[in-house]
Amino acid sequence: MKTCPYCGQENREGVFFCEDCGHPFVGGTGVLTTSQLVPDEVATFRGRVTWGTARFDQDRSIIIRVRDHATPIHLANQEETLLGRTDSNTDAPPDVDFATFGAAEQGVSRKHAIIRRGEDTLTLIDLDSRNGTFLNGQRLVPRQPRVLRDGDEIRLGRLIFHVFFK
């Protein structure tokens, strides 16, 4: 097992990034090192790489890990999941309420974004949020779906979390 130097998560051998926080594993020189696989090794690793897959079967589930918080959020298996925050003026709470993570201070809207399940993928859709939705550092165009991948970083306003497929 590899222990992440950033978050302390125990990871499987052979992964290049922490499965929890996405931190890259570095070589002894402080630089991420890579090497070319010889043909015999390629067959060993084919089909084992799961980081970044966009395939999301119906029997899989979603885990959200908010940066600097230890407790993960396990999402219910539903077609659409509303991400946002509650406050005293909220009529209906979102499916994932980030209020306990300081969402108001972080610029998260009450109805900020949606994760929508497709046939074999997930998409993220910004709902015209005031402070924007970012996927891996790229701001989303409101109402335009973007495919999610295992391990993607999502930022709602200034609140950062990672999405993992399980």
C-alpha atoms as a PDB file:
ATOM      1  CA  MET A   1       0.000   0.000   0.000  1.00  0.00           C
ATOM      2  CA  LYS A   2       1.113   3.553  -0.733  1.00  0.00           C
ATOM      3  CA  THR A   3       0.376   6.272   1.815  1.00  0.00           C
ATOM      4  CA  CYS A   4      -0.361   9.704   0.362  1.00  0.00           C
ATOM      5  CA  PRO A   5       2.024  12.340   1.783  1.00  0.00           C
ATOM      6  CA  TYR A   6      -0.687  15.010   1.403  1.00  0.00           C
ATOM      7  CA  CYS A   7      -3.811  13.441   2.958  1.00  0.00           C
ATOM      8  CA  GLY A   8      -2.576  10.173   4.539  1.00  0.00           C
ATOM      9  CA  GLN A   9      -4.897   7.953   2.450  1.00  0.00           C
ATOM     10  CA  GLU A  10      -3.790   4.339   1.921  1.00  0.00           C
ATOM     11  CA  ASN A  11      -3.728   3.641  -1.834  1.00  0.00           C
ATOM     12  CA  ARG A  12      -3.324   0.541  -3.970  1.00  0.00           C
ATOM     13  CA  GLU A  13       0.120  -0.267  -5.347  1.00  0.00           C
ATOM     14  CA  GLY A  14       0.687   0.962  -8.879  1.00  0.00           C
ATOM     15  CA  VAL A  15      -1.450   4.126  -8.760  1.00  0.00           C
ATOM     16  CA  PHE A  16       0.194   7.368  -9.840  1.00  0.00           C
ATOM     17  CA  PHE A  17      -2.193   9.710  -8.007  1.00  0.00           C
ATOM     18  CA  CYS A  18      -3.844   9.477  -4.586  1.00  0.00           C
ATOM     19  CA  GLU A  19      -7.263   7.887  -4.968  1.00  0.00           C
ATOM     20  CA  ASP A  20      -8.593  10.238  -2.294  1.00  0.00           C
ATOM     21  CA  CYS A  21      -7.203  13.714  -2.970  1.00  0.00           C
ATOM     22  CA  GLY A  22      -5.554  13.313  -6.407  1.00  0.00           C
ATOM     23  CA  HIS A  23      -2.088  14.292  -5.158  1.00  0.00           C
ATOM     24  CA  PRO A  24       0.626  12.904  -7.488  1.00  0.00           C
ATOM     25  CA  PHE A  25       3.065  10.382  -6.090  1.00  0.00           C
ATOM     26  CA  VAL A  26       6.565  11.697  -6.680  1.00  0.00           C
ATOM     27  CA  GLY A  27       9.953  10.044  -7.051  1.00  0.00           C
ATOM     28  CA  GLY A  28      12.886  10.614  -4.720  1.00  0.00           C
ATOM     29  CA  THR A  29      13.941  13.742  -6.657  1.00  0.00           C
ATOM     30  CA  GLY A  30      10.589  15.479  -6.063  1.00  0.00           C
ATOM     31  CA  VAL A  31       9.663  15.095  -9.728  1.00  0.00           C
ATOM     32  CA  LEU A  32       6.969  12.739 -10.983  1.00  0.00           C
ATOM     33  CA  THR A  33       8.919  10.046 -12.757  1.00  0.00           C
ATOM     34  CA  THR A  34       7.669   7.820 -15.527  1.00  0.00           C
ATOM     35  CA  SER A  35       9.159   5.024 -17.523  1.00  0.00           C
ATOM     36  CA  GLN A  36       8.126   3.232 -20.667  1.00  0.00           C
ATOM     37  CA  LEU A  37       6.610  -0.201 -20.178  1.00  0.00           C
ATOM     38  CA  VAL A  38       8.141  -3.059 -22.073  1.00  0.00           C
ATOM     39  CA  PRO A  39       5.670  -5.100 -24.184  1.00  0.00           C
ATOM     40  CA  ASP A  40       5.383  -7.862 -21.547  1.00  0.00           C
ATOM     41  CA  GLU A  41       4.371  -5.318 -18.886  1.00  0.00           C
ATOM     42  CA  VAL A  42       1.713  -3.657 -21.072  1.00  0.00           C
ATOM     43  CA  ALA A  43      -0.473  -6.795 -20.971  1.00  0.00           C
ATOM     44  CA  THR A  44      -0.174  -6.862 -17.166  1.00  0.00           C
ATOM     45  CA  PHE A  45      -1.481  -3.310 -16.761  1.00  0.00           C
ATOM     46  CA  ARG A  46      -4.071  -3.280 -19.548  1.00  0.00           C
ATOM     47  CA  GLY A  47      -7.519  -3.023 -18.010  1.00  0.00           C
ATOM     48  CA  ARG A  48      -6.164  -2.228 -14.518  1.00  0.00           C
ATOM     49  CA  VAL A  49      -5.888   1.540 -14.884  1.00  0.00           C
ATOM     50  CA  THR A  50      -9.008   3.081 -13.342  1.00  0.00           C
ATOM     51  CA  TRP A  51      -7.886   6.661 -12.736  1.00  0.00           C
ATOM     52  CA  GLY A  52      -9.835   8.996 -14.932  1.00  0.00           C
ATOM     53  CA  THR A  53     -12.337   6.551 -16.408  1.00  0.00           C
ATOM     54  CA  ALA A  54     -15.560   8.128 -17.647  1.00  0.00           C
ATOM     55  CA  ARG A  55     -17.488   4.840 -17.672  1.00  0.00           C
ATOM     56  CA  PHE A  56     -20.107   4.762 -14.947  1.00  0.00           C
ATOM     57  CA  ASP A  57     -22.260   1.636 -14.803  1.00  0.00           C
ATOM     58  CA  GLN A  58     -25.684   1.748 -13.133  1.00  0.00           C
ATOM     59  CA  ASP A  59     -24.516  -0.446 -10.222  1.00  0.00           C
ATOM     60  CA  ARG A  60     -21.695   1.956  -9.284  1.00  0.00           C
ATOM     61  CA  SER A  61     -21.933   4.709  -6.693  1.00  0.00           C
ATOM     62  CA  ILE A  62     -20.427   8.168  -6.241  1.00  0.00           C
ATOM     63  CA  ILE A  63     -18.223   9.303  -3.371  1.00  0.00           C
ATOM     64  CA  ILE A  64     -17.448  12.978  -2.787  1.00  0.00           C
ATOM     65  CA  ARG A  65     -14.409  14.020  -0.754  1.00  0.00           C
ATOM     66  CA  VAL A  66     -14.394  17.693   0.227  1.00  0.00           C
ATOM     67  CA  ARG A  67     -10.870  19.093   0.542  1.00  0.00           C
ATOM     68  CA  ASP A  68      -9.628  19.357   4.143  1.00  0.00           C
ATOM     69  CA  HIS A  69     -12.522  17.238   5.476  1.00  0.00           C
ATOM     70  CA  ALA A  70     -12.107  13.604   6.457  1.00  0.00           C
ATOM     71  CA  THR A  71     -15.669  12.335   6.132  1.00  0.00           C
ATOM     72  CA  PRO A  72     -16.720  11.353   2.588  1.00  0.00           C
ATOM     73  CA  ILE A  73     -20.205  11.930   1.189  1.00  0.00           C
ATOM     74  CA  HIS A  74     -21.840   8.868  -0.370  1.00  0.00           C
ATOM     75  CA  LEU A  75     -24.450   9.837  -2.957  1.00  0.00           C
ATOM     76  CA  ALA A  76     -27.774   8.089  -3.312  1.00  0.00           C
ATOM     77  CA  ASN A  77     -28.343   6.249  -6.579  1.00  0.00           C
ATOM     78  CA  GLN A  78     -30.618   8.654  -8.477  1.00  0.00           C
ATOM     79  CA  GLU A  79     -30.923  10.172 -11.963  1.00  0.00           C
ATOM     80  CA  GLU A  80     -30.092  13.740 -10.903  1.00  0.00           C
ATOM     81  CA  THR A  81     -28.286  15.016  -7.824  1.00  0.00           C
ATOM     82  CA  LEU A  82     -28.592  18.706  -6.972  1.00  0.00           C
ATOM     83  CA  LEU A  83     -25.467  20.251  -5.430  1.00  0.00           C
ATOM     84  CA  GLY A  84     -25.819  23.406  -3.343  1.00  0.00           C
ATOM     85  CA  ARG A  85     -26.440  24.716   0.151  1.00  0.00           C
ATOM     86  CA  THR A  86     -29.300  25.399   2.505  1.00  0.00           C
ATOM     87  CA  ASP A  87     -29.954  28.522   4.507  1.00  0.00           C
ATOM     88  CA  SER A  88     -32.919  30.093   6.295  1.00  0.00           C
ATOM     89  CA  ASN A  89     -34.460  31.165   2.943  1.00  0.00           C
ATOM     90  CA  THR A  90     -34.198  27.748   1.251  1.00  0.00           C
ATOM     91  CA  ASP A  91     -37.526  26.115   0.444  1.00  0.00           C
ATOM     92  CA  ALA A  92     -36.258  22.706  -0.651  1.00  0.00           C
ATOM     93  CA  PRO A  93     -32.795  21.512   0.361  1.00  0.00           C
ATOM     94  CA  PRO A  94     -30.364  20.260  -2.303  1.00  0.00           C
ATOM     95  CA  ASP A  95     -29.546  16.547  -2.484  1.00  0.00           C
ATOM     96  CA  VAL A  96     -25.964  17.330  -1.427  1.00  0.00           C
ATOM     97  CA  ASP A  97     -25.914  20.173   1.092  1.00  0.00           C
ATOM     98  CA  PHE A  98     -22.478  21.768   1.445  1.00  0.00           C
ATOM     99  CA  ALA A  99     -23.652  24.203   4.177  1.00  0.00           C
ATOM    100  CA  THR A 100     -21.725  22.303   6.860  1.00  0.00           C
ATOM    101  CA  PHE A 101     -18.539  22.845   4.822  1.00  0.00           C
ATOM    102  CA  GLY A 102     -18.849  26.655   4.907  1.00  0.00           C
ATOM    103  CA  ALA A 103     -20.593  26.795   1.534  1.00  0.00           C
ATOM    104  CA  ALA A 104     -22.068  30.283   1.983  1.00  0.00           C
ATOM    105  CA  GLU A 105     -18.633  31.734   2.748  1.00  0.00           C
ATOM    106  CA  GLN A 106     -17.114  29.753  -0.137  1.00  0.00           C
ATOM    107  CA  GLY A 107     -19.552  31.182  -2.708  1.00  0.00           C
ATOM    108  CA  VAL A 108     -21.724  28.093  -3.260  1.00  0.00           C
ATOM    109  CA  SER A 109     -25.203  28.927  -4.575  1.00  0.00           C
ATOM    110  CA  ARG A 110     -28.358  27.362  -3.132  1.00  0.00           C
ATOM    111  CA  LYS A 111     -28.898  25.536  -6.442  1.00  0.00           C
ATOM    112  CA  HIS A 112     -25.381  25.483  -7.841  1.00  0.00           C
ATOM    113  CA  ALA A 113     -24.965  22.440 -10.121  1.00  0.00           C
ATOM    114  CA  ILE A 114     -26.392  19.031 -11.024  1.00  0.00           C
ATOM    115  CA  ILE A 115     -24.746  15.659 -11.482  1.00  0.00           C
ATOM    116  CA  ARG A 116     -26.842  13.759 -14.029  1.00  0.00           C
ATOM    117  CA  ARG A 117     -26.602  10.028 -14.720  1.00  0.00           C
ATOM    118  CA  GLY A 118     -26.619   8.930 -18.324  1.00  0.00           C
ATOM    119  CA  GLU A 119     -26.654   5.430 -19.748  1.00  0.00           C
ATOM    120  CA  ASP A 120     -22.995   4.800 -18.882  1.00  0.00           C
ATOM    121  CA  THR A 121     -21.584   8.211 -17.923  1.00  0.00           C
ATOM    122  CA  LEU A 122     -22.109  11.061 -15.477  1.00  0.00           C
ATOM    123  CA  THR A 123     -22.319  14.707 -16.478  1.00  0.00           C
ATOM    124  CA  LEU A 124     -21.905  17.891 -14.449  1.00  0.00           C
ATOM    125  CA  ILE A 125     -24.086  20.893 -15.284  1.00  0.00           C
ATOM    126  CA  ASP A 126     -23.709  24.406 -13.865  1.00  0.00           C
ATOM    127  CA  LEU A 127     -27.089  25.995 -13.034  1.00  0.00           C
ATOM    128  CA  ASP A 128     -26.144  29.614 -13.802  1.00  0.00           C
ATOM    129  CA  SER A 129     -24.388  29.872 -10.448  1.00  0.00           C
ATOM    130  CA  ARG A 130     -23.090  33.283  -9.435  1.00  0.00           C
ATOM    131  CA  ASN A 131     -19.522  32.149  -8.682  1.00  0.00           C
ATOM    132  CA  GLY A 132     -19.221  29.422 -11.291  1.00  0.00           C
ATOM    133  CA  THR A 133     -18.618  25.686 -11.444  1.00  0.00           C
ATOM    134  CA  PHE A 134     -15.147  24.455 -12.395  1.00  0.00           C
ATOM    135  CA  LEU A 135     -14.200  20.989 -13.585  1.00  0.00           C
ATOM    136  CA  ASN A 136     -10.462  20.287 -13.255  1.00  0.00           C
ATOM    137  CA  GLY A 137      -9.779  24.035 -13.280  1.00  0.00           C
ATOM    138  CA  GLN A 138     -11.923  24.826 -16.334  1.00  0.00           C
ATOM    139  CA  ARG A 139     -15.014  26.971 -15.826  1.00  0.00           C
ATOM    140  CA  LEU A 140     -18.181  25.336 -17.119  1.00  0.00           C
ATOM    141  CA  VAL A 141     -20.494  27.130 -19.507  1.00  0.00           C
ATOM    142  CA  PRO A 142     -23.875  27.360 -17.715  1.00  0.00           C
ATOM    143  CA  ARG A 143     -26.409  24.680 -18.701  1.00  0.00           C
ATOM    144  CA  GLN A 144     -23.828  22.822 -20.858  1.00  0.00           C
ATOM    145  CA  PRO A 145     -23.157  19.247 -19.606  1.00  0.00           C
ATOM    146  CA  ARG A 146     -19.557  18.070 -19.183  1.00  0.00           C
ATOM    147  CA  VAL A 147     -18.611  14.400 -18.695  1.00  0.00           C
ATOM    148  CA  LEU A 148     -17.264  13.497 -15.254  1.00  0.00           C
ATOM    149  CA  ARG A 149     -14.367  11.103 -14.763  1.00  0.00           C
ATOM    150  CA  ASP A 150     -13.300   9.149 -11.735  1.00  0.00           C
ATOM    151  CA  GLY A 151     -11.090  11.402  -9.599  1.00  0.00           C
ATOM    152  CA  ASP A 152     -12.153  14.712 -11.171  1.00  0.00           C
ATOM    153  CA  GLU A 153     -11.788  17.889  -9.147  1.00  0.00           C
ATOM    154  CA  ILE A 154     -14.902  20.040  -8.934  1.00  0.00           C
ATOM    155  CA  ARG A 155     -14.987  23.558  -7.573  1.00  0.00           C
ATOM    156  CA  LEU A 156     -18.243  25.286  -6.673  1.00  0.00           C
ATOM    157  CA  GLY A 157     -17.297  28.910  -6.047  1.00  0.00           C
ATOM    158  CA  ARG A 158     -14.214  28.334  -3.862  1.00  0.00           C
ATOM    159  CA  LEU A 159     -15.329  24.983  -2.358  1.00  0.00           C
ATOM    160  CA  ILE A 160     -13.179  22.182  -3.798  1.00  0.00           C
ATOM    161  CA  PHE A 161     -13.973  18.473  -3.784  1.00  0.00           C
ATOM    162  CA  HIS A 162     -13.140  15.321  -5.734  1.00  0.00           C
ATOM    163  CA  VAL A 163     -15.587  12.812  -7.203  1.00  0.00           C
ATOM    164  CA  PHE A 164     -14.773   9.105  -7.116  1.00  0.00           C
ATOM    165  CA  PHE A 165     -16.607   6.158  -8.665  1.00  0.00           C
ATOM    166  CA  LYS A 166     -17.024   3.071  -6.528  1.00  0.00           C
END
